Protein backbone atom coordinates (compact mmCIF):
# COMPACT_ATOMS: atom_id res chain seq x y z
CA UNK A 1 0.00 0.00 0.00
CA UNK A 2 2.88 2.35 0.69
CA UNK A 3 4.08 1.92 -2.87
CA UNK A 4 0.80 3.38 -4.17
CA UNK A 5 1.42 6.56 -2.21
CA UNK A 6 5.11 6.67 -3.05
CA UNK A 7 4.49 6.30 -6.80
CA UNK A 8 1.96 9.14 -6.87
CA UNK A 9 3.90 11.48 -4.57
CA UNK A 10 7.23 11.09 -6.31
CA UNK A 11 5.62 11.77 -9.69
CA UNK A 12 4.78 15.31 -8.54
CA UNK A 13 7.12 18.20 -9.45
CA UNK A 14 9.86 18.78 -6.88
CA UNK A 15 8.69 16.01 -4.55
CA UNK A 16 11.14 14.05 -2.42
CA UNK A 17 10.90 11.41 0.28
CA UNK A 18 12.68 10.89 3.58
CA UNK A 19 11.92 9.30 6.92
CA UNK A 20 10.37 11.56 9.51
CA UNK A 21 9.12 10.28 12.87
CA UNK A 22 9.90 6.76 11.62
CA UNK A 23 7.54 6.93 8.63
CA UNK A 24 8.04 7.73 4.92
CA UNK A 25 7.26 11.42 4.48
CA UNK A 26 6.95 13.43 1.27
CA UNK A 27 8.22 16.97 0.85
CA UNK A 28 8.08 19.75 -1.68
CA UNK A 29 10.24 22.85 -1.15
CA UNK A 30 11.27 21.50 2.28
CA UNK A 31 7.62 21.38 3.46
CA UNK A 32 5.63 18.20 4.16
CA UNK A 33 2.65 17.47 1.93
CA UNK A 34 2.03 13.80 2.81
CA UNK A 35 3.03 11.36 5.55
CA UNK A 36 2.51 7.62 5.59
CA UNK A 37 1.17 6.11 8.77
CA UNK A 38 1.61 2.33 9.09
CA UNK A 39 -0.05 1.58 12.43
CA UNK A 40 1.95 4.46 13.94
CA UNK A 41 2.00 4.16 17.75
CA UNK A 42 -0.36 1.18 17.32
CA UNK A 43 -3.23 3.43 16.24
CA UNK A 44 -4.64 0.78 13.87
CA UNK A 45 -4.46 2.98 10.76
CA UNK A 46 -2.61 2.17 7.55
CA UNK A 47 -3.06 5.55 5.97
CA UNK A 48 -1.63 8.65 4.40
CA UNK A 49 -1.98 11.99 6.19
CA UNK A 50 -2.41 15.15 4.13
CA UNK A 51 -3.16 18.84 4.70
CA UNK A 52 -6.46 20.29 3.49
CA UNK A 53 -7.99 23.68 2.86
CA UNK A 54 -9.83 25.08 5.91
CA UNK A 55 -13.22 23.43 6.39
CA UNK A 56 -12.53 20.37 4.23
CA UNK A 57 -11.43 18.07 7.05
CA UNK A 58 -14.77 17.96 8.88
CA UNK A 59 -16.73 17.61 5.64
CA UNK A 60 -14.68 14.61 4.44
CA UNK A 61 -14.83 12.84 7.79
CA UNK A 62 -18.59 13.40 8.10
CA UNK A 63 -19.24 12.22 4.54
CA UNK A 64 -17.17 9.03 4.78
CA UNK A 65 -15.80 8.12 8.23
CA UNK A 66 -14.58 4.70 7.04
CA UNK A 67 -12.17 6.39 4.62
CA UNK A 68 -11.24 9.62 6.42
CA UNK A 69 -10.32 10.25 10.04
CA UNK A 70 -8.99 12.92 12.38
CA UNK A 71 -5.31 12.06 12.93
CA UNK A 72 -3.47 12.64 16.19
CA UNK A 73 -0.91 15.46 16.28
CA UNK A 74 -1.72 16.98 12.86
CA UNK A 75 -5.52 16.84 12.88
CA UNK A 76 -5.60 20.07 14.85
CA UNK A 77 -3.78 21.73 11.93
CA UNK A 78 -6.48 20.69 9.45
CA UNK A 79 -4.86 17.49 8.20
CA UNK A 80 -6.88 14.35 7.49
CA UNK A 81 -5.99 10.66 7.54
CA UNK A 82 -7.00 8.57 4.53
CA UNK A 83 -7.32 4.81 5.07
CA UNK A 84 -5.45 3.28 2.15
CA UNK A 85 -7.62 0.16 1.95
CA UNK A 86 -10.74 2.35 1.60
CA UNK A 87 -9.73 4.51 -1.39
CA UNK A 88 -8.97 3.76 -5.02
CA UNK A 89 -5.87 5.00 -6.83
CA UNK A 90 -7.70 7.71 -8.77
CA UNK A 91 -9.22 9.36 -5.69
CA UNK A 92 -5.98 8.95 -3.77
CA UNK A 93 -4.09 10.70 -6.56
CA UNK A 94 -6.55 13.60 -6.52
CA UNK A 95 -6.01 14.11 -2.78
CA UNK A 96 -2.23 13.89 -3.05
CA UNK A 97 -2.12 16.33 -5.96
CA UNK A 98 -4.28 18.78 -4.00
CA UNK A 99 -2.06 18.48 -0.91
CA UNK A 100 1.05 19.08 -3.03
CA UNK A 101 -0.54 22.15 -4.64
CA UNK A 102 -1.69 23.49 -1.26
CA UNK A 103 1.82 23.34 0.19
CA UNK A 104 3.36 24.97 -2.89
CA UNK A 105 0.81 27.81 -2.70
CA UNK A 106 1.61 28.47 0.97
CA UNK A 107 5.18 29.49 0.07
PDB file of N, CA and C in Angstrom:
ATOM      1  N   UNK A   1       0.809  -1.193   0.000  1.00  0.00           N
ATOM      2  CA  UNK A   1       0.000   0.000   0.000  1.00  0.00           C
ATOM      3  C   UNK A   1       0.854   1.260   0.000  1.00  0.00           C
ATOM      4  N   UNK A   2       1.989   1.194   0.676  1.00  0.00           N
ATOM      5  CA  UNK A   2       2.880   2.349   0.693  1.00  0.00           C
ATOM      6  C   UNK A   2       3.386   2.686  -0.698  1.00  0.00           C
ATOM      7  N   UNK A   3       3.572   1.667  -1.530  1.00  0.00           N
ATOM      8  CA  UNK A   3       4.077   1.923  -2.874  1.00  0.00           C
ATOM      9  C   UNK A   3       3.094   2.722  -3.710  1.00  0.00           C
ATOM     10  N   UNK A   4       1.802   2.572  -3.473  1.00  0.00           N
ATOM     11  CA  UNK A   4       0.796   3.379  -4.172  1.00  0.00           C
ATOM     12  C   UNK A   4       1.039   4.856  -3.888  1.00  0.00           C
ATOM     13  N   UNK A   5       1.197   5.180  -2.620  1.00  0.00           N
ATOM     14  CA  UNK A   5       1.416   6.565  -2.208  1.00  0.00           C
ATOM     15  C   UNK A   5       2.746   7.067  -2.752  1.00  0.00           C
ATOM     16  N   UNK A   6       3.774   6.279  -2.603  1.00  0.00           N
ATOM     17  CA  UNK A   6       5.114   6.670  -3.052  1.00  0.00           C
ATOM     18  C   UNK A   6       5.119   6.977  -4.548  1.00  0.00           C
ATOM     19  N   UNK A   7       4.510   6.120  -5.344  1.00  0.00           N
ATOM     20  CA  UNK A   7       4.487   6.304  -6.798  1.00  0.00           C
ATOM     21  C   UNK A   7       3.819   7.623  -7.175  1.00  0.00           C
ATOM     22  N   UNK A   8       2.685   7.904  -6.560  1.00  0.00           N
ATOM     23  CA  UNK A   8       1.964   9.143  -6.866  1.00  0.00           C
ATOM     24  C   UNK A   8       2.759  10.352  -6.386  1.00  0.00           C
ATOM     25  N   UNK A   9       3.202  10.324  -5.136  1.00  0.00           N
ATOM     26  CA  UNK A   9       3.901  11.478  -4.572  1.00  0.00           C
ATOM     27  C   UNK A   9       5.166  11.824  -5.335  1.00  0.00           C
ATOM     28  N   UNK A  10       5.959  10.815  -5.653  1.00  0.00           N
ATOM     29  CA  UNK A  10       7.235  11.091  -6.311  1.00  0.00           C
ATOM     30  C   UNK A  10       7.080  11.461  -7.777  1.00  0.00           C
ATOM     31  N   UNK A  11       5.871  11.321  -8.325  1.00  0.00           N
ATOM     32  CA  UNK A  11       5.620  11.771  -9.694  1.00  0.00           C
ATOM     33  C   UNK A  11       5.326  13.269  -9.748  1.00  0.00           C
ATOM     34  N   UNK A  12       5.125  13.897  -8.601  1.00  0.00           N
ATOM     35  CA  UNK A  12       4.783  15.308  -8.543  1.00  0.00           C
ATOM     36  C   UNK A  12       6.041  16.179  -8.609  1.00  0.00           C
ATOM     37  N   UNK A  13       5.949  17.341  -9.263  1.00  0.00           N
ATOM     38  CA  UNK A  13       7.124  18.202  -9.448  1.00  0.00           C
ATOM     39  C   UNK A  13       7.784  18.600  -8.128  1.00  0.00           C
ATOM     40  N   UNK A  14       9.086  18.369  -8.039  1.00  0.00           N
ATOM     41  CA  UNK A  14       9.865  18.779  -6.878  1.00  0.00           C
ATOM     42  C   UNK A  14       9.696  17.929  -5.643  1.00  0.00           C
ATOM     43  N   UNK A  15       8.953  16.846  -5.725  1.00  0.00           N
ATOM     44  CA  UNK A  15       8.690  16.011  -4.549  1.00  0.00           C
ATOM     45  C   UNK A  15       9.895  15.149  -4.201  1.00  0.00           C
ATOM     46  N   UNK A  16      10.085  14.944  -2.908  1.00  0.00           N
ATOM     47  CA  UNK A  16      11.140  14.055  -2.420  1.00  0.00           C
ATOM     48  C   UNK A  16      10.598  13.299  -1.211  1.00  0.00           C
ATOM     49  N   UNK A  17      11.311  12.251  -0.845  1.00  0.00           N
ATOM     50  CA  UNK A  17      10.896  11.409   0.285  1.00  0.00           C
ATOM     51  C   UNK A  17      12.048  11.245   1.255  1.00  0.00           C
ATOM     52  N   UNK A  18      11.718  11.272   2.541  1.00  0.00           N
ATOM     53  CA  UNK A  18      12.676  10.887   3.579  1.00  0.00           C
ATOM     54  C   UNK A  18      11.892  10.442   4.799  1.00  0.00           C
ATOM     55  N   UNK A  19      12.565   9.746   5.689  1.00  0.00           N
ATOM     56  CA  UNK A  19      11.924   9.305   6.921  1.00  0.00           C
ATOM     57  C   UNK A  19      11.781  10.476   7.880  1.00  0.00           C
ATOM     58  N   UNK A  20      10.617  10.570   8.484  1.00  0.00           N
ATOM     59  CA  UNK A  20      10.367  11.557   9.515  1.00  0.00           C
ATOM     60  C   UNK A  20       9.456  10.901  10.544  1.00  0.00           C
ATOM     61  N   UNK A  21       9.859  10.939  11.791  1.00  0.00           N
ATOM     62  CA  UNK A  21       9.117  10.278  12.867  1.00  0.00           C
ATOM     63  C   UNK A  21       8.930   8.792  12.572  1.00  0.00           C
ATOM     64  N   UNK A  22       9.910   8.192  11.892  1.00  0.00           N
ATOM     65  CA  UNK A  22       9.898   6.760  11.623  1.00  0.00           C
ATOM     66  C   UNK A  22       9.021   6.325  10.464  1.00  0.00           C
ATOM     67  N   UNK A  23       8.442   7.258   9.731  1.00  0.00           N
ATOM     68  CA  UNK A  23       7.539   6.930   8.626  1.00  0.00           C
ATOM     69  C   UNK A  23       7.988   7.645   7.344  1.00  0.00           C
ATOM     70  N   UNK A  24       7.760   7.038   6.177  1.00  0.00           N
ATOM     71  CA  UNK A  24       8.045   7.728   4.918  1.00  0.00           C
ATOM     72  C   UNK A  24       7.210   9.009   4.831  1.00  0.00           C
ATOM     73  N   UNK A  25       7.895  10.107   4.523  1.00  0.00           N
ATOM     74  CA  UNK A  25       7.262  11.422   4.481  1.00  0.00           C
ATOM     75  C   UNK A  25       7.664  12.101   3.181  1.00  0.00           C
ATOM     76  N   UNK A  26       6.733  12.831   2.584  1.00  0.00           N
ATOM     77  CA  UNK A  26       6.947  13.428   1.269  1.00  0.00           C
ATOM     78  C   UNK A  26       6.953  14.951   1.384  1.00  0.00           C
ATOM     79  N   UNK A  27       7.949  15.539   0.741  1.00  0.00           N
ATOM     80  CA  UNK A  27       8.221  16.965   0.847  1.00  0.00           C
ATOM     81  C   UNK A  27       8.203  17.621  -0.527  1.00  0.00           C
ATOM     82  N   UNK A  28       7.873  18.892  -0.528  1.00  0.00           N
ATOM     83  CA  UNK A  28       8.082  19.755  -1.679  1.00  0.00           C
ATOM     84  C   UNK A  28       8.557  21.089  -1.103  1.00  0.00           C
ATOM     85  N   UNK A  29       9.655  21.582  -1.635  1.00  0.00           N
ATOM     86  CA  UNK A  29      10.236  22.845  -1.148  1.00  0.00           C
ATOM     87  C   UNK A  29      10.456  22.822   0.363  1.00  0.00           C
ATOM     88  N   UNK A  30      10.938  21.700   0.862  1.00  0.00           N
ATOM     89  CA  UNK A  30      11.268  21.496   2.277  1.00  0.00           C
ATOM     90  C   UNK A  30      10.056  21.510   3.216  1.00  0.00           C
ATOM     91  N   UNK A  31       8.836  21.420   2.653  1.00  0.00           N
ATOM     92  CA  UNK A  31       7.621  21.376   3.462  1.00  0.00           C
ATOM     93  C   UNK A  31       6.909  20.052   3.215  1.00  0.00           C
ATOM     94  N   UNK A  32       6.325  19.484   4.249  1.00  0.00           N
ATOM     95  CA  UNK A  32       5.634  18.197   4.158  1.00  0.00           C
ATOM     96  C   UNK A  32       4.275  18.373   3.485  1.00  0.00           C
ATOM     97  N   UNK A  33       3.989  17.476   2.513  1.00  0.00           N
ATOM     98  CA  UNK A  33       2.651  17.465   1.927  1.00  0.00           C
ATOM     99  C   UNK A  33       1.953  16.120   2.098  1.00  0.00           C
ATOM    100  N   UNK A  34       2.662  15.098   2.547  1.00  0.00           N
ATOM    101  CA  UNK A  34       2.034  13.798   2.808  1.00  0.00           C
ATOM    102  C   UNK A  34       2.935  12.976   3.724  1.00  0.00           C
ATOM    103  N   UNK A  35       2.302  12.243   4.638  1.00  0.00           N
ATOM    104  CA  UNK A  35       3.030  11.355   5.548  1.00  0.00           C
ATOM    105  C   UNK A  35       2.321  10.009   5.576  1.00  0.00           C
ATOM    106  N   UNK A  36       3.088   8.950   5.427  1.00  0.00           N
ATOM    107  CA  UNK A  36       2.512   7.617   5.588  1.00  0.00           C
ATOM    108  C   UNK A  36       2.383   7.300   7.069  1.00  0.00           C
ATOM    109  N   UNK A  37       1.400   6.526   7.396  1.00  0.00           N
ATOM    110  CA  UNK A  37       1.168   6.105   8.768  1.00  0.00           C
ATOM    111  C   UNK A  37       0.829   4.617   8.743  1.00  0.00           C
ATOM    112  N   UNK A  38       1.793   3.786   9.104  1.00  0.00           N
ATOM    113  CA  UNK A  38       1.613   2.335   9.090  1.00  0.00           C
ATOM    114  C   UNK A  38       1.466   1.846  10.527  1.00  0.00           C
ATOM    115  N   UNK A  39       0.246   1.966  11.048  1.00  0.00           N
ATOM    116  CA  UNK A  39      -0.049   1.584  12.431  1.00  0.00           C
ATOM    117  C   UNK A  39       0.873   2.331  13.408  1.00  0.00           C
ATOM    118  N   UNK A  40       1.059   3.617  13.144  1.00  0.00           N
ATOM    119  CA  UNK A  40       1.948   4.460  13.940  1.00  0.00           C
ATOM    120  C   UNK A  40       1.462   4.512  15.393  1.00  0.00           C
ATOM    121  N   UNK A  41       2.334   4.222  16.320  1.00  0.00           N
ATOM    122  CA  UNK A  41       1.995   4.161  17.755  1.00  0.00           C
ATOM    123  C   UNK A  41       0.805   3.237  18.007  1.00  0.00           C
ATOM    124  N   UNK A  42       0.708   2.168  17.190  1.00  0.00           N
ATOM    125  CA  UNK A  42      -0.359   1.180  17.315  1.00  0.00           C
ATOM    126  C   UNK A  42      -1.761   1.795  17.244  1.00  0.00           C
ATOM    127  N   UNK A  43      -1.926   2.782  16.352  1.00  0.00           N
ATOM    128  CA  UNK A  43      -3.233   3.434  16.243  1.00  0.00           C
ATOM    129  C   UNK A  43      -4.218   2.676  15.350  1.00  0.00           C
ATOM    130  N   UNK A  44      -3.755   1.600  14.690  1.00  0.00           N
ATOM    131  CA  UNK A  44      -4.644   0.784  13.873  1.00  0.00           C
ATOM    132  C   UNK A  44      -4.873   1.291  12.460  1.00  0.00           C
ATOM    133  N   UNK A  45      -4.257   2.401  12.088  1.00  0.00           N
ATOM    134  CA  UNK A  45      -4.460   2.982  10.764  1.00  0.00           C
ATOM    135  C   UNK A  45      -3.284   2.682   9.837  1.00  0.00           C
ATOM    136  N   UNK A  46      -3.597   2.239   8.629  1.00  0.00           N
ATOM    137  CA  UNK A  46      -2.609   2.169   7.546  1.00  0.00           C
ATOM    138  C   UNK A  46      -3.113   3.208   6.560  1.00  0.00           C
ATOM    139  N   UNK A  47      -2.476   4.374   6.599  1.00  0.00           N
ATOM    140  CA  UNK A  47      -3.055   5.546   5.967  1.00  0.00           C
ATOM    141  C   UNK A  47      -1.986   6.497   5.452  1.00  0.00           C
ATOM    142  N   UNK A  48      -2.460   7.505   4.754  1.00  0.00           N
ATOM    143  CA  UNK A  48      -1.631   8.648   4.402  1.00  0.00           C
ATOM    144  C   UNK A  48      -2.293   9.870   5.025  1.00  0.00           C
ATOM    145  N   UNK A  49      -1.486  10.764   5.563  1.00  0.00           N
ATOM    146  CA  UNK A  49      -1.977  11.985   6.191  1.00  0.00           C
ATOM    147  C   UNK A  49      -1.636  13.150   5.275  1.00  0.00           C
ATOM    148  N   UNK A  50      -2.622  14.018   5.026  1.00  0.00           N
ATOM    149  CA  UNK A  50      -2.410  15.151   4.129  1.00  0.00           C
ATOM    150  C   UNK A  50      -3.062  16.412   4.695  1.00  0.00           C
ATOM    151  N   UNK A  51      -2.518  17.584   4.317  1.00  0.00           N
ATOM    152  CA  UNK A  51      -3.157  18.843   4.700  1.00  0.00           C
ATOM    153  C   UNK A  51      -4.323  19.142   3.765  1.00  0.00           C
ATOM    154  N   UNK A  52      -5.284  19.894   4.278  1.00  0.00           N
ATOM    155  CA  UNK A  52      -6.460  20.291   3.491  1.00  0.00           C
ATOM    156  C   UNK A  52      -6.702  21.784   3.636  1.00  0.00           C
ATOM    157  N   UNK A  53      -7.517  22.293   2.740  1.00  0.00           N
ATOM    158  CA  UNK A  53      -7.986  23.675   2.859  1.00  0.00           C
ATOM    159  C   UNK A  53      -8.878  23.762   4.100  1.00  0.00           C
ATOM    160  N   UNK A  54      -8.956  24.929   4.738  1.00  0.00           N
ATOM    161  CA  UNK A  54      -9.829  25.084   5.909  1.00  0.00           C
ATOM    162  C   UNK A  54     -11.263  24.650   5.596  1.00  0.00           C
ATOM    163  N   UNK A  55     -11.842  23.883   6.513  1.00  0.00           N
ATOM    164  CA  UNK A  55     -13.221  23.427   6.387  1.00  0.00           C
ATOM    165  C   UNK A  55     -13.392  22.091   5.695  1.00  0.00           C
ATOM    166  N   UNK A  56     -12.398  21.633   4.961  1.00  0.00           N
ATOM    167  CA  UNK A  56     -12.532  20.370   4.229  1.00  0.00           C
ATOM    168  C   UNK A  56     -12.449  19.151   5.126  1.00  0.00           C
ATOM    169  N   UNK A  57     -11.647  19.223   6.173  1.00  0.00           N
ATOM    170  CA  UNK A  57     -11.432  18.070   7.046  1.00  0.00           C
ATOM    171  C   UNK A  57     -12.743  17.533   7.617  1.00  0.00           C
ATOM    172  N   UNK A  58     -13.515  18.396   8.251  1.00  0.00           N
ATOM    173  CA  UNK A  58     -14.767  17.961   8.883  1.00  0.00           C
ATOM    174  C   UNK A  58     -15.750  17.419   7.855  1.00  0.00           C
ATOM    175  N   UNK A  59     -15.800  18.047   6.689  1.00  0.00           N
ATOM    176  CA  UNK A  59     -16.731  17.607   5.643  1.00  0.00           C
ATOM    177  C   UNK A  59     -16.377  16.209   5.145  1.00  0.00           C
ATOM    178  N   UNK A  60     -15.103  15.936   4.907  1.00  0.00           N
ATOM    179  CA  UNK A  60     -14.685  14.612   4.437  1.00  0.00           C
ATOM    180  C   UNK A  60     -14.973  13.538   5.480  1.00  0.00           C
ATOM    181  N   UNK A  61     -14.629  13.820   6.723  1.00  0.00           N
ATOM    182  CA  UNK A  61     -14.833  12.837   7.795  1.00  0.00           C
ATOM    183  C   UNK A  61     -16.325  12.553   7.976  1.00  0.00           C
ATOM    184  N   UNK A  62     -17.145  13.590   7.939  1.00  0.00           N
ATOM    185  CA  UNK A  62     -18.593  13.401   8.103  1.00  0.00           C
ATOM    186  C   UNK A  62     -19.184  12.615   6.934  1.00  0.00           C
ATOM    187  N   UNK A  63     -18.691  12.872   5.733  1.00  0.00           N
ATOM    188  CA  UNK A  63     -19.238  12.216   4.539  1.00  0.00           C
ATOM    189  C   UNK A  63     -18.848  10.752   4.442  1.00  0.00           C
ATOM    190  N   UNK A  64     -17.642  10.405   4.918  1.00  0.00           N
ATOM    191  CA  UNK A  64     -17.175   9.031   4.779  1.00  0.00           C
ATOM    192  C   UNK A  64     -16.187   8.674   5.892  1.00  0.00           C
ATOM    193  N   UNK A  65     -16.682   8.396   7.101  1.00  0.00           N
ATOM    194  CA  UNK A  65     -15.800   8.121   8.231  1.00  0.00           C
ATOM    195  C   UNK A  65     -15.022   6.803   8.140  1.00  0.00           C
ATOM    196  N   UNK A  66     -15.373   5.921   7.220  1.00  0.00           N
ATOM    197  CA  UNK A  66     -14.577   4.699   7.035  1.00  0.00           C
ATOM    198  C   UNK A  66     -13.290   5.005   6.270  1.00  0.00           C
ATOM    199  N   UNK A  67     -13.316   6.034   5.447  1.00  0.00           N
ATOM    200  CA  UNK A  67     -12.166   6.387   4.623  1.00  0.00           C
ATOM    201  C   UNK A  67     -11.309   7.467   5.272  1.00  0.00           C
ATOM    202  N   UNK A  68     -11.947   8.453   5.883  1.00  0.00           N
ATOM    203  CA  UNK A  68     -11.237   9.622   6.419  1.00  0.00           C
ATOM    204  C   UNK A  68     -11.354   9.672   7.933  1.00  0.00           C
ATOM    205  N   UNK A  69     -10.285  10.117   8.582  1.00  0.00           N
ATOM    206  CA  UNK A  69     -10.319  10.247  10.043  1.00  0.00           C
ATOM    207  C   UNK A  69      -9.458  11.425  10.498  1.00  0.00           C
ATOM    208  N   UNK A  70      -9.708  11.827  11.732  1.00  0.00           N
ATOM    209  CA  UNK A  70      -8.989  12.921  12.377  1.00  0.00           C
ATOM    210  C   UNK A  70      -7.714  12.349  12.997  1.00  0.00           C
ATOM    211  N   UNK A  71      -6.550  12.657  12.415  1.00  0.00           N
ATOM    212  CA  UNK A  71      -5.308  12.064  12.930  1.00  0.00           C
ATOM    213  C   UNK A  71      -4.750  12.815  14.148  1.00  0.00           C
ATOM    214  N   UNK A  72      -4.144  12.049  15.037  1.00  0.00           N
ATOM    215  CA  UNK A  72      -3.469  12.643  16.191  1.00  0.00           C
ATOM    216  C   UNK A  72      -2.354  13.562  15.688  1.00  0.00           C
ATOM    217  N   UNK A  73      -2.024  14.528  16.489  1.00  0.00           N
ATOM    218  CA  UNK A  73      -0.913  15.460  16.282  1.00  0.00           C
ATOM    219  C   UNK A  73      -1.162  16.478  15.172  1.00  0.00           C
ATOM    220  N   UNK A  74      -1.566  16.049  13.978  1.00  0.00           N
ATOM    221  CA  UNK A  74      -1.722  16.985  12.859  1.00  0.00           C
ATOM    222  C   UNK A  74      -3.180  17.290  12.531  1.00  0.00           C
ATOM    223  N   UNK A  75      -4.104  16.577  13.113  1.00  0.00           N
ATOM    224  CA  UNK A  75      -5.521  16.843  12.880  1.00  0.00           C
ATOM    225  C   UNK A  75      -5.898  18.257  13.275  1.00  0.00           C
ATOM    226  N   UNK A  76      -5.316  18.727  14.361  1.00  0.00           N
ATOM    227  CA  UNK A  76      -5.598  20.071  14.846  1.00  0.00           C
ATOM    228  C   UNK A  76      -5.164  21.143  13.841  1.00  0.00           C
ATOM    229  N   UNK A  77      -4.262  20.792  12.945  1.00  0.00           N
ATOM    230  CA  UNK A  77      -3.784  21.731  11.927  1.00  0.00           C
ATOM    231  C   UNK A  77      -4.556  21.591  10.612  1.00  0.00           C
ATOM    232  N   UNK A  78      -5.643  20.823  10.639  1.00  0.00           N
ATOM    233  CA  UNK A  78      -6.475  20.690   9.449  1.00  0.00           C
ATOM    234  C   UNK A  78      -6.120  19.523   8.546  1.00  0.00           C
ATOM    235  N   UNK A  79      -5.221  18.661   8.995  1.00  0.00           N
ATOM    236  CA  UNK A  79      -4.858  17.489   8.200  1.00  0.00           C
ATOM    237  C   UNK A  79      -5.910  16.399   8.384  1.00  0.00           C
ATOM    238  N   UNK A  80      -5.969  15.478   7.426  1.00  0.00           N
ATOM    239  CA  UNK A  80      -6.879  14.350   7.494  1.00  0.00           C
ATOM    240  C   UNK A  80      -6.096  13.068   7.220  1.00  0.00           C
ATOM    241  N   UNK A  81      -6.535  11.977   7.838  1.00  0.00           N
ATOM    242  CA  UNK A  81      -5.988  10.662   7.539  1.00  0.00           C
ATOM    243  C   UNK A  81      -6.880   9.984   6.518  1.00  0.00           C
ATOM    244  N   UNK A  82      -6.259   9.306   5.554  1.00  0.00           N
ATOM    245  CA  UNK A  82      -6.998   8.574   4.526  1.00  0.00           C
ATOM    246  C   UNK A  82      -6.605   7.107   4.629  1.00  0.00           C
ATOM    247  N   UNK A  83      -7.563   6.255   4.974  1.00  0.00           N
ATOM    248  CA  UNK A  83      -7.322   4.814   5.075  1.00  0.00           C
ATOM    249  C   UNK A  83      -7.029   4.264   3.670  1.00  0.00           C
ATOM    250  N   UNK A  84      -5.865   3.697   3.486  1.00  0.00           N
ATOM    251  CA  UNK A  84      -5.446   3.276   2.148  1.00  0.00           C
ATOM    252  C   UNK A  84      -6.259   2.112   1.593  1.00  0.00           C
ATOM    253  N   UNK A  85      -6.823   1.284   2.464  1.00  0.00           N
ATOM    254  CA  UNK A  85      -7.625   0.163   1.949  1.00  0.00           C
ATOM    255  C   UNK A  85      -9.068   0.576   1.644  1.00  0.00           C
ATOM    256  N   UNK A  86      -9.386   1.854   1.832  1.00  0.00           N
ATOM    257  CA  UNK A  86     -10.740   2.347   1.603  1.00  0.00           C
ATOM    258  C   UNK A  86     -10.836   3.331   0.435  1.00  0.00           C
ATOM    259  N   UNK A  87      -9.735   3.514  -0.316  1.00  0.00           N
ATOM    260  CA  UNK A  87      -9.725   4.510  -1.387  1.00  0.00           C
ATOM    261  C   UNK A  87      -9.040   3.933  -2.622  1.00  0.00           C
ATOM    262  N   UNK A  88      -9.587   4.253  -3.791  1.00  0.00           N
ATOM    263  CA  UNK A  88      -8.970   3.764  -5.025  1.00  0.00           C
ATOM    264  C   UNK A  88      -7.836   4.704  -5.450  1.00  0.00           C
ATOM    265  N   UNK A  89      -7.051   4.245  -6.401  1.00  0.00           N
ATOM    266  CA  UNK A  89      -5.871   5.004  -6.830  1.00  0.00           C
ATOM    267  C   UNK A  89      -6.234   6.369  -7.404  1.00  0.00           C
ATOM    268  N   UNK A  90      -7.312   6.443  -8.142  1.00  0.00           N
ATOM    269  CA  UNK A  90      -7.701   7.709  -8.771  1.00  0.00           C
ATOM    270  C   UNK A  90      -8.041   8.768  -7.718  1.00  0.00           C
ATOM    271  N   UNK A  91      -8.860   8.413  -6.742  1.00  0.00           N
ATOM    272  CA  UNK A  91      -9.224   9.363  -5.690  1.00  0.00           C
ATOM    273  C   UNK A  91      -8.023   9.702  -4.805  1.00  0.00           C
ATOM    274  N   UNK A  92      -7.192   8.712  -4.545  1.00  0.00           N
ATOM    275  CA  UNK A  92      -5.984   8.946  -3.772  1.00  0.00           C
ATOM    276  C   UNK A  92      -5.086   9.954  -4.484  1.00  0.00           C
ATOM    277  N   UNK A  93      -4.920   9.787  -5.776  1.00  0.00           N
ATOM    278  CA  UNK A  93      -4.085  10.702  -6.562  1.00  0.00           C
ATOM    279  C   UNK A  93      -4.635  12.122  -6.518  1.00  0.00           C
ATOM    280  N   UNK A  94      -5.946  12.263  -6.594  1.00  0.00           N
ATOM    281  CA  UNK A  94      -6.553  13.603  -6.522  1.00  0.00           C
ATOM    282  C   UNK A  94      -6.191  14.268  -5.195  1.00  0.00           C
ATOM    283  N   UNK A  95      -6.335  13.544  -4.099  1.00  0.00           N
ATOM    284  CA  UNK A  95      -6.012  14.111  -2.785  1.00  0.00           C
ATOM    285  C   UNK A  95      -4.534  14.481  -2.674  1.00  0.00           C
ATOM    286  N   UNK A  96      -3.658  13.613  -3.147  1.00  0.00           N
ATOM    287  CA  UNK A  96      -2.226  13.887  -3.046  1.00  0.00           C
ATOM    288  C   UNK A  96      -1.817  15.066  -3.921  1.00  0.00           C
ATOM    289  N   UNK A  97      -2.391  15.177  -5.099  1.00  0.00           N
ATOM    290  CA  UNK A  97      -2.118  16.332  -5.964  1.00  0.00           C
ATOM    291  C   UNK A  97      -2.584  17.629  -5.290  1.00  0.00           C
ATOM    292  N   UNK A  98      -3.752  17.595  -4.681  1.00  0.00           N
ATOM    293  CA  UNK A  98      -4.279  18.784  -4.005  1.00  0.00           C
ATOM    294  C   UNK A  98      -3.403  19.179  -2.819  1.00  0.00           C
ATOM    295  N   UNK A  99      -2.929  18.195  -2.057  1.00  0.00           N
ATOM    296  CA  UNK A  99      -2.061  18.482  -0.911  1.00  0.00           C
ATOM    297  C   UNK A  99      -0.749  19.103  -1.383  1.00  0.00           C
ATOM    298  N   UNK A 100      -0.186  18.558  -2.439  1.00  0.00           N
ATOM    299  CA  UNK A 100       1.050  19.080  -3.028  1.00  0.00           C
ATOM    300  C   UNK A 100       0.849  20.532  -3.452  1.00  0.00           C
ATOM    301  N   UNK A 101      -0.231  20.798  -4.164  1.00  0.00           N
ATOM    302  CA  UNK A 101      -0.539  22.145  -4.638  1.00  0.00           C
ATOM    303  C   UNK A 101      -0.739  23.109  -3.470  1.00  0.00           C
ATOM    304  N   UNK A 102      -1.440  22.665  -2.434  1.00  0.00           N
ATOM    305  CA  UNK A 102      -1.691  23.490  -1.257  1.00  0.00           C
ATOM    306  C   UNK A 102      -0.377  23.935  -0.605  1.00  0.00           C
ATOM    307  N   UNK A 103       0.538  23.017  -0.445  1.00  0.00           N
ATOM    308  CA  UNK A 103       1.819  23.344   0.192  1.00  0.00           C
ATOM    309  C   UNK A 103       2.634  24.281  -0.684  1.00  0.00           C
ATOM    310  N   UNK A 104       2.634  24.070  -1.985  1.00  0.00           N
ATOM    311  CA  UNK A 104       3.363  24.971  -2.889  1.00  0.00           C
ATOM    312  C   UNK A 104       2.776  26.383  -2.800  1.00  0.00           C
ATOM    313  N   UNK A 105       1.459  26.495  -2.739  1.00  0.00           N
ATOM    314  CA  UNK A 105       0.814  27.808  -2.701  1.00  0.00           C
ATOM    315  C   UNK A 105       1.079  28.550  -1.399  1.00  0.00           C
ATOM    316  N   UNK A 106       1.357  27.831  -0.326  1.00  0.00           N
ATOM    317  CA  UNK A 106       1.610  28.474   0.967  1.00  0.00           C
ATOM    318  C   UNK A 106       2.952  29.200   0.998  1.00  0.00           C
ATOM    319  N   UNK A 107       3.837  28.904   0.057  1.00  0.00           N
ATOM    320  CA  UNK A 107       5.177  29.490   0.074  1.00  0.00           C
ATOM    321  C   UNK A 107       5.230  30.792  -0.651  1.00  0.00           C
TER     322      UNK A 107
END
